[in-house]
Amino acid sequence: MFGISDYGAFCAAILVFLALPGPGTFALLTSTAQGGMRAGAAATGGLILGDQVLLWLAVAGVAALLAAHPLLFQAVQYLGAAYLVWIGLRLILARGDAAANPVNIAPRRYLRQALLITLLNPKAIVFYMAFFPLFIDPATHRGLPTFAAMALPIAAITAAYCLTLCAFADAVRARVRAHRRLAKALEKLAGVFLVSFGIRLGTQ
């Protein structure tokens, strides 16, 4: 479909990565706690905009690699699969609680600061460079339409997930408490999915 080798797995992988806590998650929760649902929605817009900037920068590199060096592109696909497995194993084998991620959001600057948090995340561009090649079928790749067909669901799924998270945080923000055991269990489950994605995509 549009040069994407496994569209269902692609969408599922987006959800798995969204569920992993990171600077963007903390930005959403902090914004919602300060300004309610409208602030959370503004922060969501900032995250989506930042993601789109980074992913299209990654697309430029992936497209150039695919056009000029097909064999090297295939090597990058294997490295991307190994990268997913590595992240998954780290989540599965992690012990103890993750350190708190200090994210400060100034009131009424939710969109701009969420955008900057996303753009300044050093892992994001690496993730996109490793993520895109895994799902591209060089034999049916259509260039820009293929990348657009990948960018649009990323934006749509991110919007749906983040707004749902903000709505939940807004509804329970006066009573919410950290459930560490549940968080750790979900983190390990995400690790299992990432390992499975890496193995599946690396051997197809």
N, C-alpha and C. Protein backbone atom coordinates (compact mmCIF):
# COMPACT_ATOMS: atom_id res chain seq x y z
N MET A 1 0.84 -1.19 0.00
CA MET A 1 0.00 0.00 0.00
C MET A 1 0.88 1.25 0.00
N PHE A 2 0.86 2.00 -1.10
CA PHE A 2 1.65 3.22 -1.24
C PHE A 2 3.14 2.98 -1.00
N GLY A 3 3.61 1.75 -1.23
CA GLY A 3 5.02 1.46 -1.02
C GLY A 3 5.37 1.19 0.42
N ILE A 4 4.36 1.03 1.29
CA ILE A 4 4.59 0.71 2.70
C ILE A 4 4.43 -0.80 2.86
N SER A 5 5.45 -1.45 3.41
CA SER A 5 5.47 -2.91 3.41
C SER A 5 4.46 -3.52 4.37
N ASP A 6 4.20 -2.91 5.51
CA ASP A 6 3.26 -3.46 6.49
C ASP A 6 2.56 -2.31 7.19
N TYR A 7 1.46 -1.84 6.60
CA TYR A 7 0.80 -0.63 7.09
C TYR A 7 0.23 -0.83 8.48
N GLY A 8 -0.32 -2.02 8.75
CA GLY A 8 -0.88 -2.28 10.08
C GLY A 8 0.18 -2.23 11.16
N ALA A 9 1.32 -2.87 10.89
CA ALA A 9 2.42 -2.85 11.87
C ALA A 9 2.96 -1.44 12.04
N PHE A 10 2.98 -0.67 10.96
CA PHE A 10 3.44 0.72 11.02
C PHE A 10 2.58 1.52 11.99
N CYS A 11 1.26 1.43 11.86
CA CYS A 11 0.36 2.17 12.75
C CYS A 11 0.47 1.68 14.19
N ALA A 12 0.61 0.36 14.36
CA ALA A 12 0.74 -0.18 15.71
C ALA A 12 2.03 0.29 16.36
N ALA A 13 3.11 0.37 15.58
CA ALA A 13 4.39 0.83 16.12
C ALA A 13 4.31 2.28 16.57
N ILE A 14 3.56 3.10 15.85
CA ILE A 14 3.38 4.50 16.25
C ILE A 14 2.73 4.56 17.63
N LEU A 15 1.69 3.75 17.84
CA LEU A 15 1.01 3.74 19.13
C LEU A 15 1.93 3.29 20.25
N VAL A 16 2.74 2.27 19.97
CA VAL A 16 3.66 1.77 21.00
C VAL A 16 4.63 2.86 21.42
N PHE A 17 5.20 3.57 20.45
CA PHE A 17 6.16 4.62 20.77
C PHE A 17 5.49 5.79 21.49
N LEU A 18 4.25 6.11 21.12
CA LEU A 18 3.54 7.18 21.81
C LEU A 18 3.30 6.84 23.27
N ALA A 19 3.11 5.55 23.56
CA ALA A 19 2.81 5.12 24.93
C ALA A 19 4.04 5.18 25.84
N LEU A 20 5.24 5.27 25.27
CA LEU A 20 6.45 5.35 26.08
C LEU A 20 6.59 6.75 26.66
N PRO A 21 6.76 6.87 27.97
CA PRO A 21 6.90 8.21 28.57
C PRO A 21 8.16 8.91 28.06
N GLY A 22 8.05 10.19 27.82
CA GLY A 22 9.18 10.98 27.35
C GLY A 22 8.90 12.45 27.57
N PRO A 23 9.77 13.32 27.07
CA PRO A 23 9.57 14.76 27.26
C PRO A 23 8.21 15.25 26.75
N GLY A 24 7.75 14.69 25.61
CA GLY A 24 6.46 15.10 25.07
C GLY A 24 5.31 14.76 26.00
N THR A 25 5.36 13.56 26.60
CA THR A 25 4.31 13.16 27.54
C THR A 25 4.27 14.10 28.74
N PHE A 26 5.45 14.42 29.28
CA PHE A 26 5.51 15.32 30.42
C PHE A 26 5.02 16.72 30.05
N ALA A 27 5.32 17.15 28.83
CA ALA A 27 4.85 18.46 28.38
C ALA A 27 3.32 18.50 28.32
N LEU A 28 2.72 17.42 27.82
CA LEU A 28 1.26 17.35 27.74
C LEU A 28 0.63 17.38 29.13
N LEU A 29 1.16 16.55 30.03
CA LEU A 29 0.57 16.45 31.36
C LEU A 29 0.75 17.75 32.14
N THR A 30 1.94 18.37 32.00
CA THR A 30 2.18 19.63 32.70
C THR A 30 1.26 20.73 32.19
N SER A 31 1.12 20.80 30.86
CA SER A 31 0.25 21.81 30.27
C SER A 31 -1.19 21.64 30.71
N THR A 32 -1.66 20.39 30.69
CA THR A 32 -3.05 20.12 31.07
C THR A 32 -3.28 20.44 32.54
N ALA A 33 -2.30 20.11 33.38
CA ALA A 33 -2.44 20.40 34.81
C ALA A 33 -2.51 21.90 35.06
N GLN A 34 -1.82 22.68 34.24
CA GLN A 34 -1.80 24.14 34.44
C GLN A 34 -3.01 24.83 33.83
N GLY A 35 -3.37 24.42 32.63
CA GLY A 35 -4.40 25.18 31.91
C GLY A 35 -5.58 24.40 31.43
N GLY A 36 -5.72 23.15 31.85
CA GLY A 36 -6.87 22.36 31.44
C GLY A 36 -6.76 21.84 30.02
N MET A 37 -7.91 21.45 29.47
CA MET A 37 -7.94 20.78 28.18
C MET A 37 -7.45 21.68 27.05
N ARG A 38 -7.75 22.97 27.11
CA ARG A 38 -7.31 23.88 26.04
C ARG A 38 -5.78 23.96 26.00
N ALA A 39 -5.15 23.99 27.17
CA ALA A 39 -3.69 24.02 27.22
C ALA A 39 -3.11 22.70 26.70
N GLY A 40 -3.74 21.60 27.07
CA GLY A 40 -3.28 20.31 26.58
C GLY A 40 -3.40 20.19 25.07
N ALA A 41 -4.50 20.73 24.52
CA ALA A 41 -4.68 20.70 23.07
C ALA A 41 -3.63 21.56 22.37
N ALA A 42 -3.30 22.71 22.97
CA ALA A 42 -2.26 23.57 22.39
C ALA A 42 -0.91 22.86 22.40
N ALA A 43 -0.59 22.20 23.52
CA ALA A 43 0.67 21.45 23.60
C ALA A 43 0.69 20.31 22.59
N THR A 44 -0.46 19.68 22.38
CA THR A 44 -0.55 18.62 21.38
C THR A 44 -0.21 19.16 20.00
N GLY A 45 -0.73 20.35 19.68
CA GLY A 45 -0.40 20.97 18.40
C GLY A 45 1.10 21.22 18.26
N GLY A 46 1.73 21.65 19.34
CA GLY A 46 3.18 21.88 19.30
C GLY A 46 3.96 20.60 19.07
N LEU A 47 3.53 19.52 19.73
CA LEU A 47 4.21 18.23 19.55
C LEU A 47 4.06 17.72 18.12
N ILE A 48 2.85 17.83 17.57
CA ILE A 48 2.62 17.35 16.21
C ILE A 48 3.44 18.15 15.21
N LEU A 49 3.47 19.47 15.38
CA LEU A 49 4.25 20.32 14.48
C LEU A 49 5.74 19.98 14.56
N GLY A 50 6.26 19.81 15.77
CA GLY A 50 7.66 19.44 15.92
C GLY A 50 7.97 18.10 15.31
N ASP A 51 7.08 17.13 15.51
CA ASP A 51 7.28 15.81 14.92
C ASP A 51 7.32 15.88 13.40
N GLN A 52 6.43 16.68 12.81
CA GLN A 52 6.39 16.78 11.36
C GLN A 52 7.67 17.40 10.80
N VAL A 53 8.21 18.41 11.50
CA VAL A 53 9.47 19.01 11.07
C VAL A 53 10.58 17.96 11.09
N LEU A 54 10.68 17.22 12.19
CA LEU A 54 11.75 16.24 12.32
C LEU A 54 11.60 15.08 11.34
N LEU A 55 10.37 14.60 11.18
CA LEU A 55 10.20 13.44 10.31
C LEU A 55 10.46 13.79 8.84
N TRP A 56 10.13 15.03 8.43
CA TRP A 56 10.42 15.40 7.03
C TRP A 56 11.91 15.65 6.82
N LEU A 57 12.62 16.07 7.86
CA LEU A 57 14.08 16.13 7.76
C LEU A 57 14.65 14.72 7.59
N ALA A 58 14.08 13.78 8.34
CA ALA A 58 14.51 12.39 8.20
C ALA A 58 14.16 11.85 6.83
N VAL A 59 12.97 12.20 6.33
CA VAL A 59 12.55 11.74 5.01
C VAL A 59 13.55 12.17 3.94
N ALA A 60 14.06 13.40 4.04
CA ALA A 60 15.02 13.89 3.05
C ALA A 60 16.25 12.99 3.01
N GLY A 61 16.73 12.60 4.20
CA GLY A 61 17.90 11.71 4.25
C GLY A 61 17.59 10.32 3.75
N VAL A 62 16.44 9.78 4.14
CA VAL A 62 16.06 8.43 3.72
C VAL A 62 15.84 8.38 2.21
N ALA A 63 15.17 9.39 1.66
CA ALA A 63 14.90 9.42 0.22
C ALA A 63 16.20 9.48 -0.58
N ALA A 64 17.14 10.30 -0.12
CA ALA A 64 18.42 10.40 -0.82
C ALA A 64 19.18 9.09 -0.77
N LEU A 65 19.14 8.43 0.37
CA LEU A 65 19.82 7.15 0.52
C LEU A 65 19.19 6.08 -0.37
N LEU A 66 17.86 6.06 -0.42
CA LEU A 66 17.15 5.07 -1.24
C LEU A 66 17.47 5.25 -2.71
N ALA A 67 17.55 6.50 -3.16
CA ALA A 67 17.78 6.76 -4.58
C ALA A 67 19.22 6.49 -4.99
N ALA A 68 20.18 6.81 -4.13
CA ALA A 68 21.59 6.74 -4.53
C ALA A 68 22.26 5.43 -4.16
N HIS A 69 21.83 4.81 -3.07
CA HIS A 69 22.54 3.62 -2.59
C HIS A 69 21.54 2.56 -2.11
N PRO A 70 20.92 1.82 -3.03
CA PRO A 70 19.91 0.82 -2.62
C PRO A 70 20.44 -0.22 -1.64
N LEU A 71 21.69 -0.69 -1.85
CA LEU A 71 22.24 -1.70 -0.95
C LEU A 71 22.49 -1.13 0.44
N LEU A 72 22.96 0.11 0.50
CA LEU A 72 23.16 0.75 1.78
C LEU A 72 21.84 0.99 2.49
N PHE A 73 20.80 1.31 1.69
CA PHE A 73 19.47 1.48 2.27
C PHE A 73 19.01 0.19 2.94
N GLN A 74 19.28 -0.95 2.29
CA GLN A 74 18.91 -2.23 2.88
C GLN A 74 19.66 -2.47 4.18
N ALA A 75 20.92 -2.06 4.23
CA ALA A 75 21.70 -2.19 5.46
C ALA A 75 21.09 -1.33 6.57
N VAL A 76 20.61 -0.14 6.19
CA VAL A 76 19.98 0.74 7.17
C VAL A 76 18.69 0.11 7.70
N GLN A 77 17.98 -0.61 6.84
CA GLN A 77 16.78 -1.30 7.29
C GLN A 77 17.11 -2.32 8.39
N TYR A 78 18.19 -3.08 8.19
CA TYR A 78 18.59 -4.06 9.20
C TYR A 78 19.03 -3.36 10.49
N LEU A 79 19.74 -2.25 10.35
CA LEU A 79 20.16 -1.50 11.53
C LEU A 79 18.95 -0.94 12.27
N GLY A 80 17.94 -0.50 11.53
CA GLY A 80 16.72 -0.01 12.15
C GLY A 80 16.01 -1.10 12.94
N ALA A 81 15.95 -2.30 12.36
CA ALA A 81 15.33 -3.43 13.06
C ALA A 81 16.11 -3.74 14.34
N ALA A 82 17.44 -3.71 14.26
CA ALA A 82 18.27 -3.96 15.44
C ALA A 82 18.05 -2.87 16.48
N TYR A 83 17.84 -1.64 16.02
CA TYR A 83 17.60 -0.53 16.94
C TYR A 83 16.31 -0.74 17.72
N LEU A 84 15.25 -1.19 17.05
CA LEU A 84 13.99 -1.48 17.74
C LEU A 84 14.17 -2.57 18.78
N VAL A 85 14.90 -3.63 18.40
CA VAL A 85 15.13 -4.73 19.34
C VAL A 85 15.91 -4.21 20.56
N TRP A 86 16.91 -3.38 20.31
CA TRP A 86 17.73 -2.84 21.40
C TRP A 86 16.90 -2.00 22.37
N ILE A 87 16.05 -1.13 21.82
CA ILE A 87 15.19 -0.32 22.69
C ILE A 87 14.26 -1.23 23.49
N GLY A 88 13.66 -2.21 22.81
CA GLY A 88 12.75 -3.12 23.49
C GLY A 88 13.41 -3.89 24.61
N LEU A 89 14.62 -4.39 24.38
CA LEU A 89 15.33 -5.14 25.42
C LEU A 89 15.67 -4.25 26.61
N ARG A 90 16.01 -3.00 26.34
CA ARG A 90 16.31 -2.07 27.43
C ARG A 90 15.08 -1.86 28.31
N LEU A 91 13.90 -1.77 27.68
CA LEU A 91 12.67 -1.59 28.45
C LEU A 91 12.34 -2.84 29.25
N ILE A 92 12.53 -4.00 28.64
CA ILE A 92 12.22 -5.26 29.32
C ILE A 92 13.13 -5.49 30.51
N LEU A 93 14.42 -5.18 30.35
CA LEU A 93 15.42 -5.49 31.37
C LEU A 93 15.64 -4.36 32.38
N ALA A 94 14.98 -3.22 32.16
CA ALA A 94 15.19 -2.08 33.06
C ALA A 94 14.72 -2.42 34.47
N ARG A 95 15.48 -1.94 35.47
CA ARG A 95 15.13 -2.15 36.87
C ARG A 95 14.95 -0.81 37.56
N GLY A 96 14.07 -0.77 38.51
CA GLY A 96 13.86 0.47 39.26
C GLY A 96 13.00 1.45 38.49
N ASP A 97 12.75 2.57 39.10
CA ASP A 97 11.91 3.61 38.50
C ASP A 97 12.76 4.53 37.66
N ALA A 98 12.21 4.93 36.53
CA ALA A 98 12.90 5.89 35.68
C ALA A 98 12.98 7.24 36.38
N ALA A 99 14.06 7.95 36.11
CA ALA A 99 14.21 9.27 36.73
C ALA A 99 13.15 10.22 36.20
N ALA A 100 12.70 11.09 37.06
CA ALA A 100 11.71 12.08 36.63
C ALA A 100 12.30 12.97 35.54
N ASN A 101 11.47 13.29 34.59
CA ASN A 101 11.93 14.12 33.47
C ASN A 101 11.49 15.56 33.72
N PRO A 102 12.41 16.45 34.09
CA PRO A 102 12.01 17.81 34.42
C PRO A 102 11.61 18.61 33.20
N VAL A 103 10.34 18.88 33.05
CA VAL A 103 9.82 19.69 31.94
C VAL A 103 9.06 20.86 32.53
N ASN A 104 9.50 22.05 32.20
CA ASN A 104 8.85 23.25 32.71
C ASN A 104 8.11 23.94 31.56
N ILE A 105 6.83 24.18 31.78
CA ILE A 105 6.00 24.85 30.77
C ILE A 105 5.47 26.14 31.38
N ALA A 106 5.81 27.26 30.76
CA ALA A 106 5.30 28.54 31.25
C ALA A 106 3.84 28.70 30.84
N PRO A 107 3.01 29.25 31.70
CA PRO A 107 1.59 29.47 31.37
C PRO A 107 1.42 30.29 30.09
N ARG A 108 0.42 29.88 29.29
CA ARG A 108 0.03 30.55 28.04
C ARG A 108 1.09 30.44 26.93
N ARG A 109 2.06 29.57 27.11
CA ARG A 109 3.06 29.33 26.06
C ARG A 109 3.14 27.84 25.73
N TYR A 110 1.99 27.20 25.80
CA TYR A 110 1.96 25.74 25.72
C TYR A 110 2.41 25.23 24.35
N LEU A 111 1.86 25.79 23.28
CA LEU A 111 2.20 25.29 21.95
C LEU A 111 3.68 25.53 21.64
N ARG A 112 4.15 26.75 21.87
CA ARG A 112 5.53 27.08 21.52
C ARG A 112 6.54 26.25 22.30
N GLN A 113 6.29 26.07 23.59
CA GLN A 113 7.26 25.33 24.38
C GLN A 113 7.21 23.83 24.09
N ALA A 114 6.02 23.29 23.82
CA ALA A 114 5.94 21.88 23.42
C ALA A 114 6.65 21.66 22.09
N LEU A 115 6.53 22.62 21.18
CA LEU A 115 7.24 22.55 19.91
C LEU A 115 8.75 22.52 20.13
N LEU A 116 9.25 23.41 20.98
CA LEU A 116 10.70 23.46 21.23
C LEU A 116 11.19 22.19 21.92
N ILE A 117 10.40 21.67 22.85
CA ILE A 117 10.78 20.43 23.54
C ILE A 117 10.94 19.30 22.53
N THR A 118 10.03 19.24 21.56
CA THR A 118 10.10 18.19 20.53
C THR A 118 11.31 18.39 19.62
N LEU A 119 11.52 19.61 19.16
CA LEU A 119 12.61 19.88 18.22
C LEU A 119 13.98 19.68 18.87
N LEU A 120 14.07 19.90 20.18
CA LEU A 120 15.35 19.79 20.87
C LEU A 120 15.58 18.41 21.48
N ASN A 121 14.69 17.48 21.17
CA ASN A 121 14.86 16.11 21.65
C ASN A 121 15.89 15.40 20.76
N PRO A 122 17.09 15.10 21.25
CA PRO A 122 18.14 14.56 20.39
C PRO A 122 17.85 13.16 19.85
N LYS A 123 16.93 12.44 20.50
CA LYS A 123 16.65 11.08 20.07
C LYS A 123 15.62 11.03 18.93
N ALA A 124 14.88 12.12 18.72
CA ALA A 124 13.76 12.08 17.79
C ALA A 124 14.22 11.87 16.35
N ILE A 125 15.21 12.65 15.90
CA ILE A 125 15.64 12.53 14.51
C ILE A 125 16.28 11.17 14.27
N VAL A 126 16.99 10.64 15.27
CA VAL A 126 17.58 9.29 15.15
C VAL A 126 16.48 8.26 15.02
N PHE A 127 15.41 8.44 15.82
CA PHE A 127 14.30 7.51 15.75
C PHE A 127 13.67 7.48 14.37
N TYR A 128 13.41 8.66 13.81
CA TYR A 128 12.77 8.71 12.50
C TYR A 128 13.67 8.14 11.41
N MET A 129 14.97 8.39 11.49
CA MET A 129 15.90 7.84 10.50
C MET A 129 15.92 6.33 10.56
N ALA A 130 15.75 5.76 11.75
CA ALA A 130 15.73 4.30 11.89
C ALA A 130 14.35 3.72 11.61
N PHE A 131 13.30 4.51 11.87
CA PHE A 131 11.93 4.01 11.80
C PHE A 131 11.41 3.91 10.37
N PHE A 132 11.58 4.97 9.59
CA PHE A 132 11.02 5.00 8.24
C PHE A 132 11.53 3.87 7.34
N PRO A 133 12.85 3.62 7.29
CA PRO A 133 13.31 2.58 6.36
C PRO A 133 12.72 1.21 6.61
N LEU A 134 12.32 0.92 7.85
CA LEU A 134 11.80 -0.40 8.17
C LEU A 134 10.53 -0.73 7.40
N PHE A 135 9.75 0.28 7.08
CA PHE A 135 8.43 0.05 6.49
C PHE A 135 8.35 0.42 5.02
N ILE A 136 9.47 0.75 4.40
CA ILE A 136 9.46 1.13 3.00
C ILE A 136 9.81 -0.09 2.15
N ASP A 137 8.98 -0.34 1.15
CA ASP A 137 9.24 -1.41 0.19
C ASP A 137 9.91 -0.79 -1.04
N PRO A 138 11.22 -1.00 -1.22
CA PRO A 138 11.92 -0.35 -2.35
C PRO A 138 11.32 -0.69 -3.71
N ALA A 139 10.69 -1.87 -3.83
CA ALA A 139 10.14 -2.28 -5.12
C ALA A 139 8.89 -1.51 -5.50
N THR A 140 8.12 -1.06 -4.52
CA THR A 140 6.86 -0.36 -4.81
C THR A 140 6.86 1.08 -4.29
N HIS A 141 8.00 1.54 -3.84
CA HIS A 141 8.12 2.88 -3.29
C HIS A 141 7.76 3.94 -4.33
N ARG A 142 6.95 4.95 -3.94
CA ARG A 142 6.47 5.97 -4.89
C ARG A 142 7.05 7.35 -4.59
N GLY A 143 8.05 7.42 -3.75
CA GLY A 143 8.64 8.71 -3.44
C GLY A 143 7.79 9.52 -2.48
N LEU A 144 7.49 10.76 -2.83
CA LEU A 144 6.76 11.66 -1.94
C LEU A 144 5.41 11.11 -1.48
N PRO A 145 4.60 10.50 -2.38
CA PRO A 145 3.32 9.95 -1.90
C PRO A 145 3.49 8.90 -0.80
N THR A 146 4.56 8.10 -0.89
CA THR A 146 4.79 7.09 0.16
C THR A 146 5.08 7.76 1.49
N PHE A 147 5.96 8.76 1.46
CA PHE A 147 6.29 9.44 2.71
C PHE A 147 5.10 10.21 3.27
N ALA A 148 4.29 10.79 2.39
CA ALA A 148 3.09 11.49 2.84
C ALA A 148 2.10 10.52 3.48
N ALA A 149 2.00 9.31 2.90
CA ALA A 149 1.11 8.29 3.45
C ALA A 149 1.60 7.80 4.80
N MET A 150 2.88 8.02 5.12
CA MET A 150 3.41 7.66 6.43
C MET A 150 3.30 8.84 7.40
N ALA A 151 3.47 10.06 6.90
CA ALA A 151 3.43 11.24 7.77
C ALA A 151 2.01 11.52 8.27
N LEU A 152 1.01 11.33 7.41
CA LEU A 152 -0.36 11.65 7.80
C LEU A 152 -0.88 10.80 8.96
N PRO A 153 -0.71 9.47 8.91
CA PRO A 153 -1.18 8.69 10.07
C PRO A 153 -0.40 8.99 11.34
N ILE A 154 0.89 9.35 11.20
CA ILE A 154 1.65 9.73 12.40
C ILE A 154 0.99 10.94 13.06
N ALA A 155 0.63 11.94 12.26
CA ALA A 155 -0.02 13.13 12.80
C ALA A 155 -1.40 12.80 13.38
N ALA A 156 -2.18 11.98 12.65
CA ALA A 156 -3.54 11.66 13.09
C ALA A 156 -3.54 10.82 14.37
N ILE A 157 -2.69 9.80 14.41
CA ILE A 157 -2.64 8.93 15.59
C ILE A 157 -2.09 9.70 16.78
N THR A 158 -1.09 10.55 16.54
CA THR A 158 -0.53 11.37 17.62
C THR A 158 -1.60 12.30 18.19
N ALA A 159 -2.37 12.93 17.31
CA ALA A 159 -3.43 13.83 17.77
C ALA A 159 -4.46 13.07 18.61
N ALA A 160 -4.91 11.93 18.11
CA ALA A 160 -5.93 11.16 18.83
C ALA A 160 -5.41 10.69 20.19
N TYR A 161 -4.19 10.17 20.21
CA TYR A 161 -3.63 9.65 21.46
C TYR A 161 -3.41 10.79 22.46
N CYS A 162 -2.78 11.87 22.02
CA CYS A 162 -2.42 12.96 22.93
C CYS A 162 -3.66 13.66 23.48
N LEU A 163 -4.67 13.88 22.63
CA LEU A 163 -5.89 14.53 23.11
C LEU A 163 -6.64 13.63 24.09
N THR A 164 -6.61 12.32 23.85
CA THR A 164 -7.22 11.39 24.81
C THR A 164 -6.49 11.43 26.14
N LEU A 165 -5.15 11.45 26.08
CA LEU A 165 -4.35 11.54 27.30
C LEU A 165 -4.63 12.83 28.05
N CYS A 166 -4.74 13.94 27.32
CA CYS A 166 -5.03 15.23 27.94
C CYS A 166 -6.42 15.23 28.58
N ALA A 167 -7.40 14.65 27.90
CA ALA A 167 -8.76 14.60 28.44
C ALA A 167 -8.79 13.79 29.74
N PHE A 168 -8.07 12.68 29.75
CA PHE A 168 -8.00 11.87 30.97
C PHE A 168 -7.32 12.64 32.09
N ALA A 169 -6.18 13.28 31.76
CA ALA A 169 -5.44 14.03 32.78
C ALA A 169 -6.28 15.18 33.32
N ASP A 170 -7.04 15.82 32.45
CA ASP A 170 -7.88 16.94 32.87
C ASP A 170 -9.00 16.46 33.79
N ALA A 171 -9.54 15.27 33.49
CA ALA A 171 -10.66 14.75 34.28
C ALA A 171 -10.23 14.32 35.68
N VAL A 172 -9.00 13.86 35.81
CA VAL A 172 -8.57 13.30 37.10
C VAL A 172 -7.42 14.09 37.72
N ARG A 173 -7.13 15.28 37.21
CA ARG A 173 -5.92 15.98 37.66
C ARG A 173 -5.94 16.34 39.14
N ALA A 174 -7.12 16.45 39.73
CA ALA A 174 -7.18 16.77 41.17
C ALA A 174 -6.93 15.54 42.04
N ARG A 175 -7.04 14.34 41.44
CA ARG A 175 -6.94 13.12 42.24
C ARG A 175 -5.88 12.15 41.74
N VAL A 176 -5.27 12.45 40.58
CA VAL A 176 -4.39 11.47 39.98
C VAL A 176 -3.15 11.23 40.83
N ARG A 177 -2.73 9.99 40.89
CA ARG A 177 -1.52 9.60 41.59
C ARG A 177 -0.72 8.66 40.68
N ALA A 178 0.55 8.57 40.92
CA ALA A 178 1.40 7.71 40.08
C ALA A 178 1.16 6.25 40.46
N HIS A 179 0.92 5.42 39.45
CA HIS A 179 0.77 3.98 39.65
C HIS A 179 2.02 3.32 39.07
N ARG A 180 3.05 3.21 39.89
CA ARG A 180 4.36 2.79 39.40
C ARG A 180 4.37 1.36 38.86
N ARG A 181 3.68 0.48 39.54
CA ARG A 181 3.69 -0.91 39.07
C ARG A 181 3.03 -1.04 37.70
N LEU A 182 1.91 -0.35 37.53
CA LEU A 182 1.23 -0.40 36.23
C LEU A 182 2.10 0.22 35.16
N ALA A 183 2.75 1.36 35.48
CA ALA A 183 3.62 2.02 34.51
C ALA A 183 4.76 1.11 34.09
N LYS A 184 5.35 0.42 35.06
CA LYS A 184 6.46 -0.48 34.73
C LYS A 184 5.98 -1.66 33.89
N ALA A 185 4.79 -2.18 34.20
CA ALA A 185 4.25 -3.30 33.44
C ALA A 185 3.99 -2.89 31.99
N LEU A 186 3.42 -1.69 31.79
CA LEU A 186 3.16 -1.21 30.44
C LEU A 186 4.46 -0.96 29.69
N GLU A 187 5.48 -0.49 30.40
CA GLU A 187 6.77 -0.24 29.77
C GLU A 187 7.38 -1.55 29.27
N LYS A 188 7.29 -2.60 30.08
CA LYS A 188 7.84 -3.89 29.67
C LYS A 188 7.02 -4.50 28.52
N LEU A 189 5.71 -4.30 28.55
CA LEU A 189 4.87 -4.77 27.45
C LEU A 189 5.25 -4.06 26.16
N ALA A 190 5.49 -2.75 26.23
CA ALA A 190 5.94 -2.02 25.04
C ALA A 190 7.27 -2.58 24.55
N GLY A 191 8.15 -2.94 25.48
CA GLY A 191 9.43 -3.53 25.10
C GLY A 191 9.26 -4.83 24.32
N VAL A 192 8.32 -5.65 24.77
CA VAL A 192 8.05 -6.92 24.06
C VAL A 192 7.57 -6.64 22.64
N PHE A 193 6.67 -5.66 22.49
CA PHE A 193 6.18 -5.32 21.16
C PHE A 193 7.31 -4.81 20.26
N LEU A 194 8.20 -3.99 20.81
CA LEU A 194 9.29 -3.44 20.00
C LEU A 194 10.25 -4.53 19.55
N VAL A 195 10.57 -5.45 20.44
CA VAL A 195 11.42 -6.58 20.06
C VAL A 195 10.75 -7.39 18.94
N SER A 196 9.45 -7.62 19.09
CA SER A 196 8.71 -8.39 18.09
C SER A 196 8.70 -7.67 16.74
N PHE A 197 8.48 -6.34 16.77
CA PHE A 197 8.51 -5.56 15.53
C PHE A 197 9.89 -5.68 14.87
N GLY A 198 10.94 -5.51 15.66
CA GLY A 198 12.29 -5.56 15.12
C GLY A 198 12.61 -6.88 14.46
N ILE A 199 12.26 -7.98 15.14
CA ILE A 199 12.52 -9.31 14.59
C ILE A 199 11.70 -9.55 13.33
N ARG A 200 10.43 -9.16 13.39
CA ARG A 200 9.54 -9.38 12.23
C ARG A 200 10.01 -8.61 11.02
N LEU A 201 10.33 -7.33 11.23
CA LEU A 201 10.72 -6.49 10.11
C LEU A 201 12.13 -6.80 9.60
N GLY A 202 12.97 -7.30 10.47
CA GLY A 202 14.33 -7.64 10.07
C GLY A 202 14.44 -8.95 9.35
N THR A 203 13.41 -9.78 9.43
CA THR A 203 13.47 -11.11 8.81
C THR A 203 12.47 -11.26 7.66
N GLN A 204 11.74 -10.22 7.34
CA GLN A 204 10.72 -10.37 6.28
C GLN A 204 11.36 -10.30 4.88
